[in-house]
Protein backbone atom coordinates (compact mmCIF):
# COMPACT_ATOMS: atom_id res chain seq x y z
CA MET A 1 139.90 -134.33 -159.87
CA ARG A 2 137.90 -132.70 -157.10
CA VAL A 3 134.36 -134.09 -156.90
CA VAL A 4 131.46 -134.29 -154.48
CA GLY A 5 129.09 -137.27 -154.12
CA VAL A 6 125.37 -136.48 -154.16
CA SER A 7 122.36 -138.76 -153.75
CA PHE A 8 118.77 -137.93 -154.67
CA LYS A 9 117.21 -140.47 -152.31
CA ASP A 10 117.95 -141.95 -148.90
CA LYS A 11 120.32 -144.89 -149.51
CA GLY A 12 120.14 -144.07 -153.21
CA ARG A 13 122.93 -144.28 -155.73
CA ILE A 14 125.68 -141.67 -155.36
CA TYR A 15 126.47 -139.47 -158.35
CA TYR A 16 129.52 -137.27 -158.68
CA PHE A 17 129.45 -133.56 -159.47
CA SER A 18 131.88 -130.70 -159.68
CA PRO A 19 131.89 -128.77 -156.35
CA ASN A 20 131.95 -125.55 -158.36
CA GLN A 21 134.18 -123.88 -155.71
CA LEU A 22 131.47 -124.29 -153.05
CA ASP A 23 132.34 -125.28 -149.49
CA LEU A 24 130.35 -128.50 -149.25
CA LYS A 25 130.17 -131.13 -146.51
CA ASN A 26 128.21 -134.30 -145.79
CA GLY A 27 124.55 -133.63 -145.12
CA ASP A 28 124.33 -130.39 -147.13
CA ASN A 29 121.26 -130.15 -149.34
CA VAL A 30 122.18 -128.91 -152.80
CA ILE A 31 120.75 -128.06 -156.20
CA VAL A 32 122.67 -129.73 -159.02
CA GLU A 33 122.57 -129.70 -162.79
CA THR A 34 121.76 -133.04 -164.45
CA GLU A 35 120.84 -134.27 -167.91
CA ARG A 36 117.22 -134.29 -166.77
CA GLY A 37 117.36 -130.71 -165.49
CA GLU A 38 117.90 -129.28 -162.03
CA GLN A 39 117.69 -131.77 -159.16
CA TYR A 40 117.57 -131.49 -155.39
CA GLY A 41 119.94 -133.82 -153.57
CA GLN A 42 122.05 -134.32 -150.48
CA VAL A 43 125.82 -134.51 -150.19
CA LYS A 44 126.82 -138.04 -149.13
CA ASN A 45 130.53 -137.85 -149.92
CA GLY A 46 132.11 -134.51 -149.15
CA ILE A 47 134.66 -133.04 -151.52
CA ILE A 48 137.19 -135.73 -152.42
CA ASP A 49 139.87 -136.38 -155.04
CA LEU A 50 138.88 -139.01 -157.60
CA ASP A 51 141.02 -140.50 -160.35
CA ASN A 52 140.04 -139.21 -163.78
CA ASP A 53 139.69 -142.76 -165.14
CA LYS A 54 136.86 -143.39 -162.67
CA ILE A 55 134.84 -140.51 -164.08
CA LYS A 56 133.00 -141.84 -167.12
CA SER A 57 131.39 -138.61 -168.35
CA ALA A 58 131.77 -134.86 -168.06
CA LEU A 59 130.95 -133.65 -164.56
CA LYS A 60 127.89 -131.48 -164.09
CA PRO A 61 128.19 -128.74 -161.46
CA VAL A 62 126.58 -128.19 -158.08
CA ILE A 63 124.61 -125.00 -158.70
CA ARG A 64 124.17 -123.92 -155.10
CA ILE A 65 123.60 -125.01 -151.54
CA ALA A 66 119.83 -125.33 -151.10
CA THR A 67 118.07 -122.33 -149.59
CA GLU A 68 115.01 -122.38 -147.35
CA GLU A 69 112.91 -121.60 -150.41
CA ASP A 70 114.52 -124.52 -152.27
CA ASN A 71 113.60 -126.81 -149.38
CA LYS A 72 109.98 -125.71 -149.59
CA VAL A 73 109.90 -126.31 -153.35
CA HIS A 74 111.37 -129.78 -152.83
CA GLU A 75 108.76 -130.65 -150.18
CA LYS A 76 105.98 -129.51 -152.51
CA ASN A 77 107.44 -131.60 -155.35
CA ILE A 78 107.41 -134.68 -153.12
CA LYS A 79 103.75 -134.13 -152.15
CA ASP A 80 102.69 -133.49 -155.75
CA ALA A 81 104.62 -136.54 -156.97
CA SER A 82 102.82 -138.71 -154.37
CA LYS A 83 99.46 -137.49 -155.69
CA ALA A 84 100.61 -138.10 -159.26
CA LEU A 85 101.60 -141.67 -158.30
CA ILE A 86 98.09 -142.40 -157.00
CA LYS A 87 96.53 -140.90 -160.13
CA CYS A 88 98.86 -142.84 -162.41
CA ARG A 89 97.94 -146.13 -160.72
CA LYS A 90 94.25 -145.38 -161.30
CA ILE A 91 94.88 -144.70 -164.99
CA VAL A 92 96.90 -147.91 -165.29
CA GLU A 93 93.99 -149.83 -163.77
CA LYS A 94 91.52 -148.10 -166.09
CA GLN A 95 93.61 -148.90 -169.16
CA LYS A 96 94.21 -152.46 -167.89
CA LEU A 97 97.97 -152.26 -168.36
CA ASN A 98 100.09 -155.12 -167.05
CA MET A 99 102.36 -152.99 -164.87
CA TYR A 100 102.72 -151.79 -161.29
CA VAL A 101 103.84 -148.20 -160.74
CA VAL A 102 106.25 -148.12 -157.81
CA ASP A 103 107.30 -144.49 -157.48
CA ALA A 104 107.07 -141.02 -159.02
CA ASN A 105 109.46 -138.07 -158.91
CA TYR A 106 109.50 -134.52 -160.19
CA THR A 107 112.75 -132.90 -161.18
CA PHE A 108 113.40 -129.87 -158.98
CA ASP A 109 112.44 -127.47 -161.77
CA ARG A 110 109.37 -129.61 -162.58
CA ASP A 111 110.57 -129.93 -166.15
CA GLN A 112 110.00 -133.68 -165.98
CA LEU A 113 107.79 -136.12 -164.08
CA LEU A 114 109.31 -139.59 -163.90
CA PHE A 115 107.40 -142.77 -163.04
CA TYR A 116 109.07 -146.08 -162.13
CA PHE A 117 107.17 -149.29 -162.80
CA LEU A 118 107.50 -153.06 -162.57
CA SER A 119 106.34 -155.49 -165.21
CA ASP A 120 107.24 -159.00 -166.31
CA ASN A 121 106.86 -158.03 -169.97
CA ARG A 122 107.27 -155.09 -172.28
CA VAL A 123 104.39 -152.62 -171.91
CA ASP A 124 102.92 -150.29 -174.52
CA PHE A 125 102.39 -147.27 -172.29
CA ARG A 126 102.01 -144.62 -175.01
CA SER A 127 98.38 -143.92 -174.17
CA LEU A 128 99.27 -143.72 -170.47
CA ALA A 129 102.08 -141.23 -171.14
CA LYS A 130 99.79 -139.13 -173.32
CA GLU A 131 97.10 -138.93 -170.65
CA LEU A 132 99.63 -138.09 -167.93
CA ALA A 133 101.17 -135.35 -170.09
CA SER A 134 97.76 -133.77 -170.65
CA LEU A 135 97.11 -133.82 -166.90
CA TYR A 136 100.43 -132.49 -165.61
CA LYS A 137 101.59 -130.31 -168.54
CA THR A 138 105.18 -131.46 -168.30
CA ARG A 139 107.48 -134.01 -169.90
CA ILE A 140 106.57 -137.55 -168.80
CA GLU A 141 109.00 -140.45 -168.60
CA LEU A 142 108.08 -144.01 -167.61
CA ARG A 143 111.01 -146.21 -166.62
CA GLN A 144 110.83 -149.96 -166.07
CA ILE A 145 112.84 -151.19 -163.09
CA GLY A 146 113.76 -154.64 -161.77
CA VAL A 147 112.72 -156.58 -158.70
CA ARG A 148 116.01 -155.73 -156.97
CA ASP A 149 115.14 -152.03 -157.28
CA LYS A 150 111.72 -152.76 -155.80
CA ALA A 151 113.26 -154.58 -152.81
CA LYS A 152 115.60 -151.62 -152.24
CA GLU A 153 112.66 -149.22 -152.36
CA ILE A 154 110.37 -151.19 -150.06
CA GLY A 155 112.95 -152.73 -147.69
CA GLY A 156 112.53 -155.78 -145.50
CA ILE A 157 114.39 -158.47 -143.57
CA GLY A 158 116.75 -160.86 -145.33
CA PRO A 159 117.22 -164.61 -144.63
CA CYS A 160 120.11 -163.64 -142.32
CA GLY A 161 117.62 -161.88 -140.04
CA LEU A 162 119.05 -158.41 -140.75
CA GLN A 163 117.75 -155.45 -142.73
CA LEU A 164 118.22 -155.86 -146.47
CA CYS A 165 121.66 -154.70 -147.60
CA CYS A 166 120.14 -152.98 -150.64
CA SER A 167 117.83 -150.83 -148.53
CA LYS A 168 120.41 -150.21 -145.79
CA PHE A 169 123.68 -149.27 -147.45
CA LEU A 170 124.13 -150.55 -151.02
CA ASN A 171 124.17 -147.68 -153.50
CA ASP A 172 124.77 -149.80 -156.60
CA PHE A 173 123.90 -153.36 -157.54
CA ASP A 174 126.94 -155.48 -158.40
CA THR A 175 126.61 -158.39 -160.80
CA VAL A 176 126.01 -161.62 -158.88
CA SER A 177 126.37 -165.02 -160.58
CA ILE A 178 125.61 -168.62 -159.67
CA ASN A 179 129.36 -169.31 -159.97
CA MET A 180 129.87 -167.25 -156.81
CA ALA A 181 127.69 -169.68 -154.85
CA LYS A 182 129.57 -172.62 -156.38
CA ASN A 183 132.88 -170.95 -155.58
CA GLN A 184 131.91 -170.83 -151.90
CA ASN A 185 130.62 -174.45 -151.81
CA ILE A 186 127.09 -173.27 -151.00
CA ALA A 187 124.27 -175.71 -151.75
CA LEU A 188 122.43 -174.49 -154.85
CA ASN A 189 119.08 -174.38 -153.12
CA PRO A 190 117.01 -171.36 -154.27
CA ASN A 191 115.69 -170.94 -150.72
CA LYS A 192 119.27 -170.55 -149.50
CA ILE A 193 120.91 -168.45 -152.21
CA ASN A 194 118.04 -166.18 -153.31
CA GLY A 195 116.95 -163.01 -151.53
CA ILE A 196 113.37 -161.89 -150.98
CA CYS A 197 113.51 -160.22 -154.41
CA GLY A 198 113.89 -163.68 -155.96
CA ARG A 199 117.34 -162.90 -157.31
CA LEU A 200 120.71 -164.18 -156.08
CA LEU A 201 121.78 -162.75 -152.72
CA CYS A 202 123.90 -159.61 -153.09
CA CYS A 203 126.10 -160.82 -150.21
CA LEU A 204 127.43 -163.67 -152.37
CA LYS A 205 129.62 -160.98 -153.90
CA TYR A 206 131.17 -159.84 -150.64
CA GLU A 207 133.53 -162.77 -150.01
CA ASP A 208 133.91 -164.04 -153.56
CA ASP A 209 137.38 -162.53 -154.05
CA CYS A 210 138.56 -164.11 -150.78
CA TYR A 211 137.28 -167.55 -151.80
CA THR A 212 138.82 -167.17 -155.27
CA GLU A 213 142.20 -166.39 -153.71
CA CYS A 214 141.95 -169.30 -151.24
CA ARG A 215 140.94 -171.69 -154.01
CA LYS A 216 144.25 -171.25 -155.83
CA ASP A 217 145.95 -174.68 -156.25
CA MET A 218 143.04 -176.40 -154.47
CA PRO A 219 142.00 -179.67 -156.15
CA LYS A 220 138.38 -180.46 -156.97
CA ILE A 221 136.42 -183.15 -155.15
CA GLY A 222 136.79 -186.42 -157.03
CA SER A 223 140.11 -185.51 -158.63
CA LYS A 224 143.24 -187.61 -158.30
CA VAL A 225 146.11 -186.18 -156.23
CA ASN A 226 149.52 -187.31 -155.02
CA THR A 227 150.05 -187.29 -151.28
CA VAL A 228 152.91 -188.33 -149.02
CA LYS A 229 151.00 -191.61 -148.54
CA GLY A 230 150.50 -192.22 -152.25
CA GLU A 231 147.89 -191.41 -154.91
CA GLY A 232 144.41 -190.69 -153.66
CA ILE A 233 140.99 -189.30 -154.53
CA VAL A 234 139.89 -185.99 -153.03
CA LYS A 235 136.90 -186.51 -150.71
CA SER A 236 136.43 -183.04 -149.23
CA VAL A 237 137.98 -179.57 -149.25
CA ASP A 238 138.13 -176.74 -146.71
CA ILE A 239 138.65 -173.69 -148.89
CA LEU A 240 139.32 -171.09 -146.21
CA LYS A 241 141.79 -173.29 -144.34
CA ARG A 242 143.28 -174.45 -147.68
CA LYS A 243 143.08 -178.08 -146.62
CA TYR A 244 141.65 -181.14 -148.30
CA VAL A 245 141.15 -184.79 -147.46
CA ALA A 246 142.09 -187.51 -149.93
CA GLU A 247 141.31 -191.23 -149.68
CA VAL A 248 144.40 -193.33 -150.38
CA LYS A 249 143.98 -197.01 -151.20
CA ASN A 250 145.05 -199.33 -148.36
CA VAL A 251 145.82 -196.30 -146.20
CA GLY A 252 142.57 -194.41 -145.66
CA ASP A 253 142.00 -190.68 -145.31
CA VAL A 254 144.98 -188.37 -145.61
CA GLU A 255 144.70 -184.67 -144.76
CA VAL A 256 146.75 -182.28 -146.86
CA ASN A 257 147.46 -178.67 -145.89
CA LEU A 258 148.60 -176.65 -148.92
CA ASP A 259 150.16 -173.93 -146.79
CA GLU A 260 152.48 -176.26 -144.88
């Protein structure tokens, strides 16, 4: 199926739409139809063919390539959303709600004003939504986000000394588990395996498949193995080289290469 990838924010998630017979290329600003109404976005993946099984819902169409007037409307929406963000934070402070409002966005047609917030607990924001609706005369939605989303929004430098992957190029957050760190023989020290968001490093996912493949047939440290020098106990393993060292009684250390 012919699709085009569109993002609504810099380094934001890419959503797929029907090109609607338009000649679209990377960098084009477009107006698209979404479940929330019309949205202004930018083409990140030009027209491509995508397998139908990768499309999880009916494709909405690209309505048109953005005009100069559309660009002006979008710029005004950004300015008004910034003002609404400041106002919302003041109301939150006045109502003493345990939440921090991170961002605000208007849909292109201004049919909805969406606020993103952080909180450690569930928040009863009904009074906040009511006051915002009376101020802005549009549909209000408040959406709780996680600390990984906040890190992506704010940006920063990771423990590797480079710009955060989430703010630089990651469009979606993959599931990261502690087993990935164990799989790579990384010390389970929170200071080593957690990012600045406090969650497990996204990069643990990058090489996990490689380590899983290299681990095939590799014994665990402490397990008994048979070597050419006799039975021994595994002392250490080198996953990527697919080697391990076993201690054999009356012989000493014996290195075993599984690929030889």
